Amino acid sequence: MIKTRVLLKRDAPVLLLEDEYLVLLDLKVALEDMGFTDISCSASVSDALKRCAMRLPEFALLDVNLGSEKSFPVAHALYDKGVPFVFVTAYGRAGLEGQYDDIEVLTKPVDAFDIGSVIAMAQG
């Protein structure tokens, strides 16, 4: 999936799925500092799926563990639509439970350089 070549304009819709407010804020600020202006923030699977149904993002950052749920339904929806995304998790690749071997994983804490690198990889 991350090998898909996309050109992300700075006004491209980006989905940020994270349930920890301070982490969400840090990631949002990092994206804004990179020039992204259309960032949709969600803290739950149901909200993220609703947002995707209303307007499909061109890129997404997904936390894996969202309280009592996992972000895999959102990942499945994005994967099926060909939307590039990365997982952001404190558990590294082990948190993916053997799924999505072709998706990039950023291990928390994540900084702007890490995000910029995966976006550059997504763009080819």
N, C-alpha and C. Protein backbone atom coordinates (compact mmCIF):
# COMPACT_ATOMS: atom_id res chain seq x y z
N MET A 1 0.82 -1.19 0.00
CA MET A 1 0.00 0.00 0.00
C MET A 1 0.87 1.25 0.00
N ILE A 2 1.83 1.34 0.85
CA ILE A 2 2.63 2.55 0.93
C ILE A 2 3.42 2.75 -0.37
N LYS A 3 3.55 1.68 -1.16
CA LYS A 3 4.26 1.78 -2.42
C LYS A 3 3.44 2.49 -3.48
N THR A 4 2.14 2.67 -3.24
CA THR A 4 1.29 3.40 -4.15
C THR A 4 1.79 4.83 -4.27
N ARG A 5 1.93 5.29 -5.48
CA ARG A 5 2.43 6.64 -5.71
C ARG A 5 1.27 7.63 -5.73
N VAL A 6 1.30 8.59 -4.85
CA VAL A 6 0.30 9.64 -4.82
C VAL A 6 1.05 10.96 -4.66
N LEU A 7 0.46 11.99 -5.19
CA LEU A 7 1.03 13.32 -4.99
C LEU A 7 0.09 14.06 -4.06
N LEU A 8 0.54 14.28 -2.85
CA LEU A 8 -0.29 14.94 -1.86
C LEU A 8 -0.07 16.44 -1.94
N LYS A 9 -1.11 17.13 -2.35
CA LYS A 9 -1.08 18.59 -2.30
C LYS A 9 -1.32 18.97 -0.85
N ARG A 10 -0.87 20.11 -0.48
CA ARG A 10 -1.00 20.54 0.92
C ARG A 10 -2.46 20.79 1.31
N ASP A 11 -3.36 20.90 0.32
CA ASP A 11 -4.78 21.02 0.65
C ASP A 11 -5.51 19.69 0.52
N ALA A 12 -4.76 18.60 0.33
CA ALA A 12 -5.36 17.27 0.24
C ALA A 12 -5.97 16.90 1.59
N PRO A 13 -7.14 16.26 1.57
CA PRO A 13 -7.74 15.83 2.83
C PRO A 13 -6.92 14.71 3.49
N VAL A 14 -6.61 14.90 4.75
CA VAL A 14 -5.84 13.94 5.53
C VAL A 14 -6.68 13.53 6.74
N LEU A 15 -6.74 12.24 7.00
CA LEU A 15 -7.45 11.73 8.18
C LEU A 15 -6.44 11.40 9.27
N LEU A 16 -6.72 11.85 10.45
CA LEU A 16 -5.89 11.58 11.62
C LEU A 16 -6.78 10.89 12.65
N LEU A 17 -6.50 9.60 12.91
CA LEU A 17 -7.29 8.81 13.86
C LEU A 17 -6.43 8.50 15.08
N GLU A 18 -6.76 9.14 16.18
CA GLU A 18 -5.99 9.02 17.43
C GLU A 18 -6.90 9.35 18.59
N ASP A 19 -6.89 8.50 19.63
CA ASP A 19 -7.79 8.72 20.76
C ASP A 19 -7.16 9.47 21.93
N GLU A 20 -5.86 9.64 21.93
CA GLU A 20 -5.20 10.39 23.00
C GLU A 20 -5.05 11.84 22.56
N TYR A 21 -5.73 12.74 23.26
CA TYR A 21 -5.82 14.13 22.82
C TYR A 21 -4.46 14.79 22.60
N LEU A 22 -3.53 14.62 23.52
CA LEU A 22 -2.23 15.29 23.36
C LEU A 22 -1.44 14.74 22.18
N VAL A 23 -1.54 13.45 21.95
CA VAL A 23 -0.87 12.86 20.79
C VAL A 23 -1.54 13.36 19.51
N LEU A 24 -2.87 13.38 19.51
CA LEU A 24 -3.62 13.91 18.37
C LEU A 24 -3.19 15.33 18.05
N LEU A 25 -3.10 16.15 19.08
CA LEU A 25 -2.71 17.54 18.91
C LEU A 25 -1.30 17.64 18.34
N ASP A 26 -0.37 16.86 18.86
CA ASP A 26 1.01 16.87 18.35
C ASP A 26 1.07 16.47 16.88
N LEU A 27 0.35 15.41 16.52
CA LEU A 27 0.34 14.96 15.13
C LEU A 27 -0.30 16.01 14.21
N LYS A 28 -1.39 16.61 14.68
CA LYS A 28 -2.08 17.63 13.89
C LYS A 28 -1.16 18.83 13.67
N VAL A 29 -0.49 19.28 14.70
CA VAL A 29 0.43 20.41 14.58
C VAL A 29 1.57 20.07 13.63
N ALA A 30 2.08 18.84 13.70
CA ALA A 30 3.16 18.43 12.80
C ALA A 30 2.69 18.49 11.35
N LEU A 31 1.47 18.01 11.08
CA LEU A 31 0.92 18.08 9.73
C LEU A 31 0.71 19.52 9.30
N GLU A 32 0.20 20.34 10.19
CA GLU A 32 0.00 21.76 9.87
C GLU A 32 1.34 22.44 9.58
N ASP A 33 2.36 22.11 10.36
CA ASP A 33 3.69 22.68 10.14
C ASP A 33 4.25 22.29 8.78
N MET A 34 3.82 21.14 8.26
CA MET A 34 4.23 20.70 6.92
C MET A 34 3.41 21.38 5.84
N GLY A 35 2.39 22.14 6.25
CA GLY A 35 1.58 22.88 5.29
C GLY A 35 0.23 22.28 4.99
N PHE A 36 -0.12 21.16 5.62
CA PHE A 36 -1.43 20.57 5.36
C PHE A 36 -2.52 21.40 6.02
N THR A 37 -3.59 21.64 5.29
CA THR A 37 -4.65 22.53 5.77
C THR A 37 -5.99 21.85 5.94
N ASP A 38 -6.16 20.65 5.41
CA ASP A 38 -7.45 19.95 5.47
C ASP A 38 -7.27 18.65 6.26
N ILE A 39 -7.24 18.78 7.58
CA ILE A 39 -6.98 17.64 8.46
C ILE A 39 -8.26 17.31 9.23
N SER A 40 -8.74 16.10 9.04
CA SER A 40 -9.93 15.63 9.73
C SER A 40 -9.49 14.75 10.89
N CYS A 41 -9.89 15.09 12.09
CA CYS A 41 -9.47 14.37 13.29
C CYS A 41 -10.61 13.53 13.84
N SER A 42 -10.30 12.28 14.16
CA SER A 42 -11.26 11.36 14.77
C SER A 42 -10.61 10.65 15.94
N ALA A 43 -11.45 10.26 16.89
CA ALA A 43 -10.95 9.53 18.06
C ALA A 43 -11.57 8.15 18.16
N SER A 44 -12.45 7.78 17.21
CA SER A 44 -13.09 6.47 17.26
C SER A 44 -13.26 5.92 15.84
N VAL A 45 -13.42 4.61 15.77
CA VAL A 45 -13.62 3.95 14.49
C VAL A 45 -14.90 4.45 13.82
N SER A 46 -15.99 4.53 14.57
CA SER A 46 -17.27 4.93 13.97
C SER A 46 -17.19 6.34 13.40
N ASP A 47 -16.57 7.26 14.12
CA ASP A 47 -16.45 8.63 13.62
C ASP A 47 -15.55 8.67 12.38
N ALA A 48 -14.45 7.94 12.41
CA ALA A 48 -13.54 7.93 11.26
C ALA A 48 -14.22 7.35 10.02
N LEU A 49 -14.99 6.29 10.19
CA LEU A 49 -15.70 5.70 9.05
C LEU A 49 -16.75 6.66 8.50
N LYS A 50 -17.43 7.39 9.37
CA LYS A 50 -18.40 8.40 8.92
C LYS A 50 -17.70 9.49 8.12
N ARG A 51 -16.56 9.94 8.63
CA ARG A 51 -15.81 10.99 7.92
C ARG A 51 -15.33 10.50 6.56
N CYS A 52 -14.89 9.25 6.50
CA CYS A 52 -14.42 8.68 5.23
C CYS A 52 -15.58 8.55 4.23
N ALA A 53 -16.76 8.22 4.73
CA ALA A 53 -17.93 8.10 3.86
C ALA A 53 -18.34 9.46 3.31
N MET A 54 -18.18 10.49 4.12
CA MET A 54 -18.54 11.84 3.68
C MET A 54 -17.50 12.40 2.71
N ARG A 55 -16.24 12.13 3.00
CA ARG A 55 -15.16 12.63 2.16
C ARG A 55 -13.93 11.75 2.36
N LEU A 56 -13.58 11.03 1.32
CA LEU A 56 -12.46 10.11 1.39
C LEU A 56 -11.15 10.88 1.50
N PRO A 57 -10.32 10.56 2.48
CA PRO A 57 -9.02 11.25 2.58
C PRO A 57 -8.09 10.75 1.47
N GLU A 58 -7.04 11.52 1.25
CA GLU A 58 -6.00 11.10 0.30
C GLU A 58 -4.82 10.45 1.01
N PHE A 59 -4.80 10.57 2.35
CA PHE A 59 -3.76 9.98 3.16
C PHE A 59 -4.29 9.91 4.59
N ALA A 60 -3.82 8.94 5.39
CA ALA A 60 -4.29 8.84 6.77
C ALA A 60 -3.17 8.34 7.68
N LEU A 61 -3.24 8.82 8.92
CA LEU A 61 -2.40 8.33 10.02
C LEU A 61 -3.36 7.67 11.01
N LEU A 62 -3.15 6.39 11.30
CA LEU A 62 -4.07 5.64 12.15
C LEU A 62 -3.37 5.09 13.38
N ASP A 63 -3.84 5.49 14.55
CA ASP A 63 -3.43 4.82 15.77
C ASP A 63 -4.08 3.44 15.74
N VAL A 64 -3.42 2.44 16.25
CA VAL A 64 -3.98 1.09 16.23
C VAL A 64 -4.96 0.89 17.38
N ASN A 65 -4.55 1.18 18.61
CA ASN A 65 -5.39 0.97 19.78
C ASN A 65 -6.15 2.24 20.13
N LEU A 66 -7.45 2.13 20.09
CA LEU A 66 -8.33 3.26 20.39
C LEU A 66 -9.21 2.87 21.57
N GLY A 67 -8.66 2.93 22.75
CA GLY A 67 -9.42 2.51 23.93
C GLY A 67 -9.74 1.03 23.83
N SER A 68 -11.02 0.71 23.73
CA SER A 68 -11.44 -0.69 23.69
C SER A 68 -11.58 -1.23 22.27
N GLU A 69 -11.22 -0.45 21.26
CA GLU A 69 -11.33 -0.91 19.88
C GLU A 69 -10.02 -0.70 19.13
N LYS A 70 -9.91 -1.35 18.00
CA LYS A 70 -8.73 -1.21 17.14
C LYS A 70 -9.16 -0.52 15.85
N SER A 71 -8.23 0.12 15.19
CA SER A 71 -8.54 0.90 13.99
C SER A 71 -8.62 0.05 12.72
N PHE A 72 -8.57 -1.27 12.83
CA PHE A 72 -8.54 -2.12 11.64
C PHE A 72 -9.73 -1.94 10.70
N PRO A 73 -10.96 -1.70 11.18
CA PRO A 73 -12.04 -1.45 10.21
C PRO A 73 -11.78 -0.23 9.33
N VAL A 74 -11.18 0.80 9.89
CA VAL A 74 -10.83 1.98 9.10
C VAL A 74 -9.71 1.63 8.12
N ALA A 75 -8.72 0.89 8.60
CA ALA A 75 -7.62 0.46 7.73
C ALA A 75 -8.16 -0.36 6.56
N HIS A 76 -9.08 -1.28 6.84
CA HIS A 76 -9.67 -2.11 5.77
C HIS A 76 -10.36 -1.23 4.74
N ALA A 77 -11.15 -0.27 5.21
CA ALA A 77 -11.89 0.61 4.30
C ALA A 77 -10.93 1.42 3.42
N LEU A 78 -9.89 1.97 4.04
CA LEU A 78 -8.92 2.76 3.28
C LEU A 78 -8.15 1.88 2.31
N TYR A 79 -7.74 0.71 2.77
CA TYR A 79 -6.98 -0.22 1.94
C TYR A 79 -7.78 -0.61 0.70
N ASP A 80 -9.07 -0.92 0.91
CA ASP A 80 -9.94 -1.32 -0.19
C ASP A 80 -10.11 -0.20 -1.22
N LYS A 81 -10.05 1.05 -0.76
CA LYS A 81 -10.22 2.20 -1.65
C LYS A 81 -8.89 2.67 -2.24
N GLY A 82 -7.78 2.05 -1.83
CA GLY A 82 -6.48 2.44 -2.36
C GLY A 82 -5.90 3.70 -1.75
N VAL A 83 -6.40 4.08 -0.57
CA VAL A 83 -5.91 5.27 0.10
C VAL A 83 -4.67 4.91 0.91
N PRO A 84 -3.54 5.57 0.65
CA PRO A 84 -2.34 5.28 1.44
C PRO A 84 -2.49 5.73 2.89
N PHE A 85 -1.97 4.92 3.80
CA PHE A 85 -2.03 5.26 5.22
C PHE A 85 -0.86 4.63 5.92
N VAL A 86 -0.60 5.10 7.13
CA VAL A 86 0.41 4.50 7.99
C VAL A 86 -0.22 4.30 9.36
N PHE A 87 0.29 3.32 10.08
CA PHE A 87 -0.12 3.11 11.45
C PHE A 87 0.84 3.85 12.37
N VAL A 88 0.29 4.40 13.43
CA VAL A 88 1.08 5.07 14.47
C VAL A 88 0.71 4.38 15.77
N THR A 89 1.69 3.69 16.37
CA THR A 89 1.38 2.90 17.56
C THR A 89 2.60 2.78 18.47
N ALA A 90 2.35 2.66 19.73
CA ALA A 90 3.44 2.45 20.68
C ALA A 90 3.94 1.01 20.66
N TYR A 91 3.21 0.12 20.01
CA TYR A 91 3.53 -1.30 20.01
C TYR A 91 4.34 -1.75 18.79
N GLY A 92 4.63 -0.84 17.88
CA GLY A 92 5.37 -1.20 16.69
C GLY A 92 4.59 -2.18 15.84
N ARG A 93 5.28 -2.89 14.98
CA ARG A 93 4.62 -3.84 14.07
C ARG A 93 3.88 -4.94 14.82
N ALA A 94 4.31 -5.29 16.03
CA ALA A 94 3.64 -6.33 16.82
C ALA A 94 2.18 -5.95 17.10
N GLY A 95 1.88 -4.66 17.16
CA GLY A 95 0.52 -4.21 17.41
C GLY A 95 -0.43 -4.48 16.26
N LEU A 96 0.09 -4.85 15.10
CA LEU A 96 -0.76 -5.10 13.93
C LEU A 96 -1.31 -6.52 13.88
N GLU A 97 -0.91 -7.35 14.83
CA GLU A 97 -1.44 -8.71 14.96
C GLU A 97 -1.29 -9.50 13.67
N GLY A 98 -0.16 -9.34 13.00
CA GLY A 98 0.12 -10.11 11.79
C GLY A 98 -0.57 -9.61 10.53
N GLN A 99 -1.23 -8.48 10.60
CA GLN A 99 -1.92 -7.92 9.45
C GLN A 99 -1.09 -6.80 8.82
N TYR A 100 -1.38 -6.49 7.60
CA TYR A 100 -0.83 -5.32 6.92
C TYR A 100 0.70 -5.28 6.90
N ASP A 101 1.29 -6.35 6.44
CA ASP A 101 2.74 -6.41 6.36
C ASP A 101 3.33 -5.35 5.42
N ASP A 102 2.53 -4.87 4.48
CA ASP A 102 3.03 -3.90 3.51
C ASP A 102 2.79 -2.44 3.91
N ILE A 103 2.26 -2.23 5.11
CA ILE A 103 1.97 -0.87 5.57
C ILE A 103 3.06 -0.40 6.52
N GLU A 104 3.48 0.83 6.34
CA GLU A 104 4.49 1.44 7.21
C GLU A 104 3.93 1.63 8.62
N VAL A 105 4.79 1.43 9.61
CA VAL A 105 4.41 1.62 11.01
C VAL A 105 5.37 2.63 11.63
N LEU A 106 4.81 3.66 12.23
CA LEU A 106 5.60 4.62 13.01
C LEU A 106 5.38 4.30 14.47
N THR A 107 6.47 4.18 15.21
CA THR A 107 6.38 3.87 16.62
C THR A 107 6.36 5.15 17.44
N LYS A 108 5.37 5.26 18.32
CA LYS A 108 5.27 6.43 19.20
C LYS A 108 6.42 6.44 20.19
N PRO A 109 6.92 7.57 20.58
CA PRO A 109 6.51 8.90 20.11
C PRO A 109 7.03 9.18 18.70
N VAL A 110 6.21 9.86 17.92
CA VAL A 110 6.51 10.17 16.53
C VAL A 110 6.83 11.65 16.43
N ASP A 111 7.81 11.97 15.60
CA ASP A 111 8.09 13.39 15.38
C ASP A 111 7.78 13.77 13.94
N ALA A 112 7.86 15.05 13.64
CA ALA A 112 7.51 15.56 12.32
C ALA A 112 8.39 14.96 11.23
N PHE A 113 9.64 14.70 11.53
CA PHE A 113 10.53 14.11 10.53
C PHE A 113 10.03 12.73 10.11
N ASP A 114 9.58 11.92 11.08
CA ASP A 114 9.04 10.59 10.78
C ASP A 114 7.82 10.68 9.87
N ILE A 115 6.93 11.61 10.20
CA ILE A 115 5.71 11.78 9.40
C ILE A 115 6.08 12.25 8.00
N GLY A 116 6.95 13.23 7.92
CA GLY A 116 7.40 13.72 6.62
C GLY A 116 8.02 12.63 5.78
N SER A 117 8.77 11.73 6.40
CA SER A 117 9.42 10.63 5.68
C SER A 117 8.40 9.68 5.07
N VAL A 118 7.36 9.29 5.83
CA VAL A 118 6.38 8.37 5.29
C VAL A 118 5.53 9.03 4.23
N ILE A 119 5.25 10.31 4.37
CA ILE A 119 4.52 11.01 3.33
C ILE A 119 5.35 11.06 2.06
N ALA A 120 6.64 11.32 2.19
CA ALA A 120 7.53 11.33 1.02
C ALA A 120 7.57 9.94 0.38
N MET A 121 7.58 8.88 1.20
CA MET A 121 7.57 7.51 0.65
C MET A 121 6.27 7.24 -0.08
N ALA A 122 5.16 7.72 0.47
CA ALA A 122 3.87 7.52 -0.16
C ALA A 122 3.80 8.23 -1.51
N GLN A 123 4.51 9.34 -1.61
CA GLN A 123 4.49 10.11 -2.85
C GLN A 123 5.46 9.56 -3.88
N GLY A 124 6.40 8.73 -3.43
CA GLY A 124 7.35 8.12 -4.35
C GLY A 124 8.49 9.04 -4.59
